Amino acid sequence: MPCTRILVRPSHNKGWLIEDGRRDMGPYYSRDLALQVAVSECLALRRVGRPARVAVEDGDGETVVKRCLCASFGR
């Protein structure tokens, strides 16, 4: 099963958005808050047996950080 990417990226207006391929969430007022929500979404996917990863993009669309949560994490 492919790893689901949960993407945190700046919105075109203000704040930060989360995309997971099914829906968009946000905007959130800070990147930190959006990242917390994204990690929570990833952990929820893992609880039902689906692999997931978090990626954060900057304003230019470049991935600045990514973390796969498929490995043992947060247990």
N, C-alpha and C. Protein backbone atom coordinates (compact mmCIF):
# COMPACT_ATOMS: atom_id res chain seq x y z
N MET A 1 0.85 -1.17 0.00
CA MET A 1 0.00 0.00 0.00
C MET A 1 0.90 1.24 0.00
N PRO A 2 0.64 2.20 -0.90
CA PRO A 2 1.49 3.39 -0.94
C PRO A 2 1.30 4.27 0.30
N CYS A 3 2.33 4.98 0.62
CA CYS A 3 2.33 5.88 1.76
C CYS A 3 1.53 7.15 1.43
N THR A 4 0.58 7.51 2.27
CA THR A 4 -0.24 8.71 2.08
C THR A 4 0.55 9.93 2.52
N ARG A 5 0.65 10.93 1.65
CA ARG A 5 1.37 12.17 1.99
C ARG A 5 0.38 13.18 2.55
N ILE A 6 0.70 13.69 3.73
CA ILE A 6 -0.03 14.79 4.34
C ILE A 6 0.87 16.02 4.17
N LEU A 7 0.42 16.97 3.37
CA LEU A 7 1.24 18.12 3.00
C LEU A 7 0.80 19.37 3.75
N VAL A 8 1.76 20.05 4.37
CA VAL A 8 1.53 21.35 5.00
C VAL A 8 2.17 22.38 4.09
N ARG A 9 1.37 23.38 3.68
CA ARG A 9 1.90 24.41 2.78
C ARG A 9 1.24 25.74 3.06
N PRO A 10 1.94 26.83 2.71
CA PRO A 10 1.31 28.15 2.91
C PRO A 10 0.13 28.32 1.96
N SER A 11 -0.90 29.01 2.43
CA SER A 11 -2.03 29.29 1.56
C SER A 11 -1.70 30.50 0.69
N HIS A 12 -2.54 30.74 -0.29
CA HIS A 12 -2.29 31.88 -1.18
C HIS A 12 -2.61 33.20 -0.49
N ASN A 13 -3.45 33.16 0.51
CA ASN A 13 -3.82 34.38 1.24
C ASN A 13 -3.02 34.48 2.53
N LYS A 14 -3.57 33.96 3.60
CA LYS A 14 -2.90 33.96 4.89
C LYS A 14 -3.01 32.59 5.51
N GLY A 15 -2.05 32.24 6.31
CA GLY A 15 -2.12 30.99 7.04
C GLY A 15 -1.50 29.82 6.30
N TRP A 16 -1.81 28.63 6.81
CA TRP A 16 -1.24 27.38 6.31
C TRP A 16 -2.35 26.38 6.04
N LEU A 17 -2.20 25.60 4.98
CA LEU A 17 -3.16 24.58 4.60
C LEU A 17 -2.57 23.19 4.76
N ILE A 18 -3.45 22.22 4.90
CA ILE A 18 -3.06 20.81 4.93
C ILE A 18 -3.80 20.12 3.81
N GLU A 19 -3.08 19.36 3.00
CA GLU A 19 -3.67 18.56 1.93
C GLU A 19 -3.31 17.11 2.16
N ASP A 20 -4.29 16.23 1.98
CA ASP A 20 -4.00 14.80 2.13
C ASP A 20 -4.48 13.97 0.95
N GLY A 21 -4.81 14.62 -0.15
CA GLY A 21 -5.26 13.90 -1.33
C GLY A 21 -6.76 13.71 -1.39
N ARG A 22 -7.43 13.75 -0.25
CA ARG A 22 -8.88 13.61 -0.21
C ARG A 22 -9.56 14.95 0.07
N ARG A 23 -8.91 15.77 0.87
CA ARG A 23 -9.51 17.04 1.29
C ARG A 23 -8.42 18.03 1.68
N ASP A 24 -8.81 19.28 1.74
CA ASP A 24 -7.93 20.33 2.25
C ASP A 24 -8.46 20.76 3.61
N MET A 25 -7.55 21.07 4.51
CA MET A 25 -7.92 21.53 5.84
C MET A 25 -7.25 22.88 6.08
N GLY A 26 -7.92 23.74 6.81
CA GLY A 26 -7.35 25.04 7.13
C GLY A 26 -8.11 26.16 6.48
N PRO A 27 -7.59 27.34 6.52
CA PRO A 27 -6.23 27.67 6.91
C PRO A 27 -6.03 27.72 8.43
N TYR A 28 -4.81 27.41 8.83
CA TYR A 28 -4.38 27.52 10.21
C TYR A 28 -3.50 28.75 10.34
N TYR A 29 -3.55 29.41 11.49
CA TYR A 29 -2.85 30.68 11.64
C TYR A 29 -1.33 30.55 11.69
N SER A 30 -0.82 29.36 12.01
CA SER A 30 0.63 29.20 12.05
C SER A 30 1.02 27.86 11.44
N ARG A 31 2.26 27.79 10.99
CA ARG A 31 2.79 26.54 10.46
C ARG A 31 2.85 25.49 11.56
N ASP A 32 3.21 25.90 12.77
CA ASP A 32 3.32 24.95 13.88
C ASP A 32 1.98 24.27 14.17
N LEU A 33 0.90 25.04 14.18
CA LEU A 33 -0.41 24.46 14.43
C LEU A 33 -0.80 23.51 13.30
N ALA A 34 -0.57 23.92 12.06
CA ALA A 34 -0.87 23.06 10.91
C ALA A 34 -0.06 21.78 10.99
N LEU A 35 1.19 21.87 11.41
CA LEU A 35 2.04 20.69 11.52
C LEU A 35 1.52 19.74 12.61
N GLN A 36 1.06 20.28 13.72
CA GLN A 36 0.50 19.45 14.78
C GLN A 36 -0.73 18.69 14.28
N VAL A 37 -1.59 19.37 13.54
CA VAL A 37 -2.78 18.73 12.99
C VAL A 37 -2.38 17.65 11.97
N ALA A 38 -1.39 17.96 11.13
CA ALA A 38 -0.93 17.01 10.12
C ALA A 38 -0.37 15.74 10.77
N VAL A 39 0.42 15.90 11.81
CA VAL A 39 0.96 14.72 12.51
C VAL A 39 -0.17 13.92 13.14
N SER A 40 -1.16 14.60 13.70
CA SER A 40 -2.32 13.89 14.26
C SER A 40 -3.06 13.10 13.19
N GLU A 41 -3.21 13.69 12.01
CA GLU A 41 -3.85 12.99 10.89
C GLU A 41 -3.05 11.75 10.49
N CYS A 42 -1.73 11.89 10.44
CA CYS A 42 -0.86 10.75 10.09
C CYS A 42 -0.98 9.64 11.11
N LEU A 43 -0.98 9.99 12.38
CA LEU A 43 -1.10 8.97 13.41
C LEU A 43 -2.46 8.28 13.36
N ALA A 44 -3.51 9.03 13.00
CA ALA A 44 -4.83 8.41 12.86
C ALA A 44 -4.84 7.42 11.71
N LEU A 45 -4.17 7.75 10.62
CA LEU A 45 -4.07 6.81 9.50
C LEU A 45 -3.31 5.55 9.92
N ARG A 46 -2.24 5.73 10.67
CA ARG A 46 -1.45 4.58 11.13
C ARG A 46 -2.26 3.67 12.03
N ARG A 47 -3.14 4.26 12.85
CA ARG A 47 -3.95 3.44 13.76
C ARG A 47 -4.86 2.49 13.00
N VAL A 48 -5.24 2.86 11.78
CA VAL A 48 -6.09 1.97 10.99
C VAL A 48 -5.28 1.17 9.96
N GLY A 49 -3.95 1.17 10.13
CA GLY A 49 -3.10 0.33 9.31
C GLY A 49 -2.65 0.93 7.99
N ARG A 50 -2.81 2.23 7.80
CA ARG A 50 -2.38 2.87 6.55
C ARG A 50 -1.09 3.63 6.77
N PRO A 51 -0.08 3.43 5.94
CA PRO A 51 1.18 4.17 6.07
C PRO A 51 0.97 5.64 5.69
N ALA A 52 1.68 6.55 6.37
CA ALA A 52 1.52 7.97 6.10
C ALA A 52 2.82 8.72 6.38
N ARG A 53 2.95 9.87 5.72
CA ARG A 53 4.12 10.73 5.93
C ARG A 53 3.67 12.18 5.92
N VAL A 54 4.47 13.04 6.57
CA VAL A 54 4.23 14.48 6.62
C VAL A 54 5.30 15.17 5.79
N ALA A 55 4.88 16.14 4.98
CA ALA A 55 5.83 16.97 4.24
C ALA A 55 5.42 18.43 4.44
N VAL A 56 6.42 19.32 4.49
CA VAL A 56 6.18 20.76 4.64
C VAL A 56 6.82 21.46 3.47
N GLU A 57 6.03 22.31 2.80
CA GLU A 57 6.55 23.10 1.68
C GLU A 57 6.69 24.55 2.09
N ASP A 58 7.63 25.24 1.43
CA ASP A 58 7.77 26.68 1.63
C ASP A 58 6.92 27.42 0.60
N GLY A 59 7.02 28.73 0.57
CA GLY A 59 6.23 29.55 -0.33
C GLY A 59 6.51 29.32 -1.80
N ASP A 60 7.67 28.75 -2.12
CA ASP A 60 8.05 28.47 -3.51
C ASP A 60 7.62 27.08 -3.96
N GLY A 61 6.99 26.32 -3.07
CA GLY A 61 6.56 24.98 -3.42
C GLY A 61 7.64 23.93 -3.26
N GLU A 62 8.75 24.30 -2.67
CA GLU A 62 9.84 23.36 -2.42
C GLU A 62 9.61 22.64 -1.10
N THR A 63 9.83 21.33 -1.09
CA THR A 63 9.72 20.57 0.15
C THR A 63 10.91 20.90 1.04
N VAL A 64 10.62 21.39 2.23
CA VAL A 64 11.70 21.77 3.14
C VAL A 64 11.95 20.71 4.21
N VAL A 65 10.95 19.89 4.48
CA VAL A 65 11.13 18.81 5.44
C VAL A 65 10.08 17.74 5.15
N LYS A 66 10.45 16.50 5.40
CA LYS A 66 9.49 15.40 5.30
C LYS A 66 9.87 14.34 6.31
N ARG A 67 8.84 13.68 6.82
CA ARG A 67 9.06 12.65 7.82
C ARG A 67 8.05 11.54 7.59
N CYS A 68 8.55 10.37 7.32
CA CYS A 68 7.69 9.21 7.13
C CYS A 68 7.36 8.63 8.49
N LEU A 69 6.07 8.43 8.74
CA LEU A 69 5.64 7.84 10.00
C LEU A 69 5.30 6.38 9.84
N CYS A 70 5.74 5.78 8.73
CA CYS A 70 5.51 4.35 8.51
C CYS A 70 6.30 3.52 9.52
N ALA A 71 7.48 4.00 9.89
CA ALA A 71 8.31 3.31 10.88
C ALA A 71 7.72 3.55 12.25
N SER A 72 8.23 2.87 13.23
CA SER A 72 7.74 3.02 14.59
C SER A 72 7.95 4.46 15.04
N PHE A 73 6.86 5.11 15.39
CA PHE A 73 6.90 6.52 15.77
C PHE A 73 5.71 6.81 16.69
N GLY A 74 5.98 7.38 17.82
CA GLY A 74 4.92 7.82 18.71
C GLY A 74 4.13 6.71 19.38
N ARG A 75 4.71 5.54 19.48
CA ARG A 75 4.01 4.44 20.16
C ARG A 75 4.44 4.35 21.59
